[in-house]
Amino acid sequence: MIDLETVKKVANLARLKLTTEEEEKFTTQLGDILNYVEQLSELNTDNVEPTTRAIEVSNITRKDILQPYPNTEELLKQAPAQQGDFFRVPQIMG
């Protein structure tokens, strides 16, 4: 079980200002989390391969195909500044 002094110390290290109510609440919650982690450490994981996710997830994205914008003139009219066929932007590097 985690005690109130440990919660205060962790809060101080994390630069958190906690109310007395929050300190008491976190004492219980952090204690529960540590108890759960302790339960997990009792599991035999010798034949379990390391993973980053419990299920396989893949990102579905479209192909990035370069194509010209159909109405360049209309698009450039909306820009605050333009130079020829380009947007004019402030210089950020010397």
Protein backbone atom coordinates (compact mmCIF):
# COMPACT_ATOMS: atom_id res chain seq x y z
CA MET A 1 0.00 0.00 0.00
CA ILE A 2 1.23 3.49 -0.81
CA ASP A 3 1.14 6.07 1.94
CA LEU A 4 0.20 9.76 1.96
CA GLU A 5 3.82 10.92 2.27
CA THR A 6 4.77 9.02 -0.90
CA VAL A 7 1.89 10.63 -2.80
CA LYS A 8 3.03 14.07 -1.62
CA LYS A 9 6.61 13.31 -2.66
CA VAL A 10 5.56 12.10 -6.13
CA ALA A 11 3.28 15.12 -6.56
CA ASN A 12 6.16 17.41 -5.63
CA LEU A 13 8.52 15.70 -8.10
CA ALA A 14 5.86 16.02 -10.82
CA ARG A 15 5.33 19.68 -9.87
CA LEU A 16 1.65 19.04 -9.08
CA LYS A 17 -0.30 20.98 -6.49
CA LEU A 18 -2.82 18.63 -4.94
CA THR A 19 -5.58 19.41 -2.50
CA THR A 20 -5.89 17.34 0.67
CA GLU A 21 -8.87 15.57 -0.89
CA GLU A 22 -6.87 14.75 -4.04
CA GLU A 23 -3.94 13.45 -1.97
CA GLU A 24 -6.23 11.05 -0.12
CA LYS A 25 -7.95 9.99 -3.34
CA PHE A 26 -4.63 9.38 -5.13
CA THR A 27 -3.28 7.43 -2.17
CA THR A 28 -6.09 4.91 -2.63
CA GLN A 29 -5.96 4.94 -6.44
CA LEU A 30 -2.19 4.57 -6.69
CA GLY A 31 -2.31 1.79 -4.12
CA ASP A 32 -4.90 -0.04 -6.25
CA ILE A 33 -2.73 0.39 -9.37
CA LEU A 34 0.37 -0.94 -7.62
CA ASN A 35 -1.60 -3.93 -6.27
CA TYR A 36 -2.79 -4.72 -9.80
CA VAL A 37 0.75 -4.49 -11.20
CA GLU A 38 1.89 -6.82 -8.44
CA GLN A 39 -0.80 -9.32 -9.50
CA LEU A 40 0.38 -9.08 -13.10
CA SER A 41 3.97 -9.75 -12.09
CA GLU A 42 2.87 -13.13 -10.73
CA LEU A 43 1.91 -14.33 -14.22
CA ASN A 44 4.23 -16.69 -16.06
CA THR A 45 5.30 -14.86 -19.21
CA ASP A 46 8.26 -17.05 -20.18
CA ASN A 47 6.73 -18.13 -23.52
CA VAL A 48 4.97 -14.86 -24.33
CA GLU A 49 6.49 -12.73 -27.09
CA PRO A 50 6.79 -9.00 -26.35
CA THR A 51 4.13 -6.90 -28.08
CA THR A 52 3.10 -3.27 -28.19
CA ARG A 53 -0.62 -4.01 -28.54
CA ALA A 54 -2.95 -6.81 -27.51
CA ILE A 55 -4.53 -6.86 -30.98
CA GLU A 56 -3.07 -6.11 -34.40
CA VAL A 57 -3.89 -2.59 -35.57
CA SER A 58 -3.04 -1.00 -38.89
CA ASN A 59 -3.53 2.53 -40.09
CA ILE A 60 -5.78 2.82 -43.13
CA THR A 61 -4.61 5.71 -45.28
CA ARG A 62 -4.97 6.68 -48.89
CA LYS A 63 -2.06 6.79 -51.27
CA ASP A 64 -0.35 10.17 -51.41
CA ILE A 65 -0.63 10.96 -55.11
CA LEU A 66 0.65 14.32 -56.32
CA GLN A 67 -1.79 16.08 -58.63
CA PRO A 68 -2.28 19.72 -59.62
CA TYR A 69 -5.00 21.78 -57.96
CA PRO A 70 -7.79 22.35 -60.53
CA ASN A 71 -8.24 26.11 -59.94
CA THR A 72 -4.90 27.61 -58.95
CA GLU A 73 -5.94 31.20 -59.71
CA GLU A 74 -8.94 31.04 -57.36
CA LEU A 75 -6.78 29.53 -54.63
CA LEU A 76 -4.10 32.23 -55.00
CA LYS A 77 -6.74 35.01 -54.80
CA GLN A 78 -7.51 33.87 -51.22
CA ALA A 79 -3.89 34.19 -50.09
CA PRO A 80 -2.89 37.31 -48.12
CA ALA A 81 0.14 37.72 -50.43
CA GLN A 82 1.31 36.03 -53.60
CA GLN A 83 4.26 36.23 -55.94
CA GLY A 84 3.55 34.90 -59.41
CA ASP A 85 2.08 31.42 -59.08
CA PHE A 86 3.23 31.04 -55.46
CA PHE A 87 2.11 31.98 -51.96
CA ARG A 88 4.31 34.65 -50.42
CA VAL A 89 5.16 33.95 -46.79
CA PRO A 90 7.36 35.75 -44.25
CA GLN A 91 11.00 34.72 -44.16
CA ILE A 92 11.74 32.66 -41.08
CA MET A 93 15.41 31.88 -41.59
CA GLY A 94 18.27 34.27 -42.37
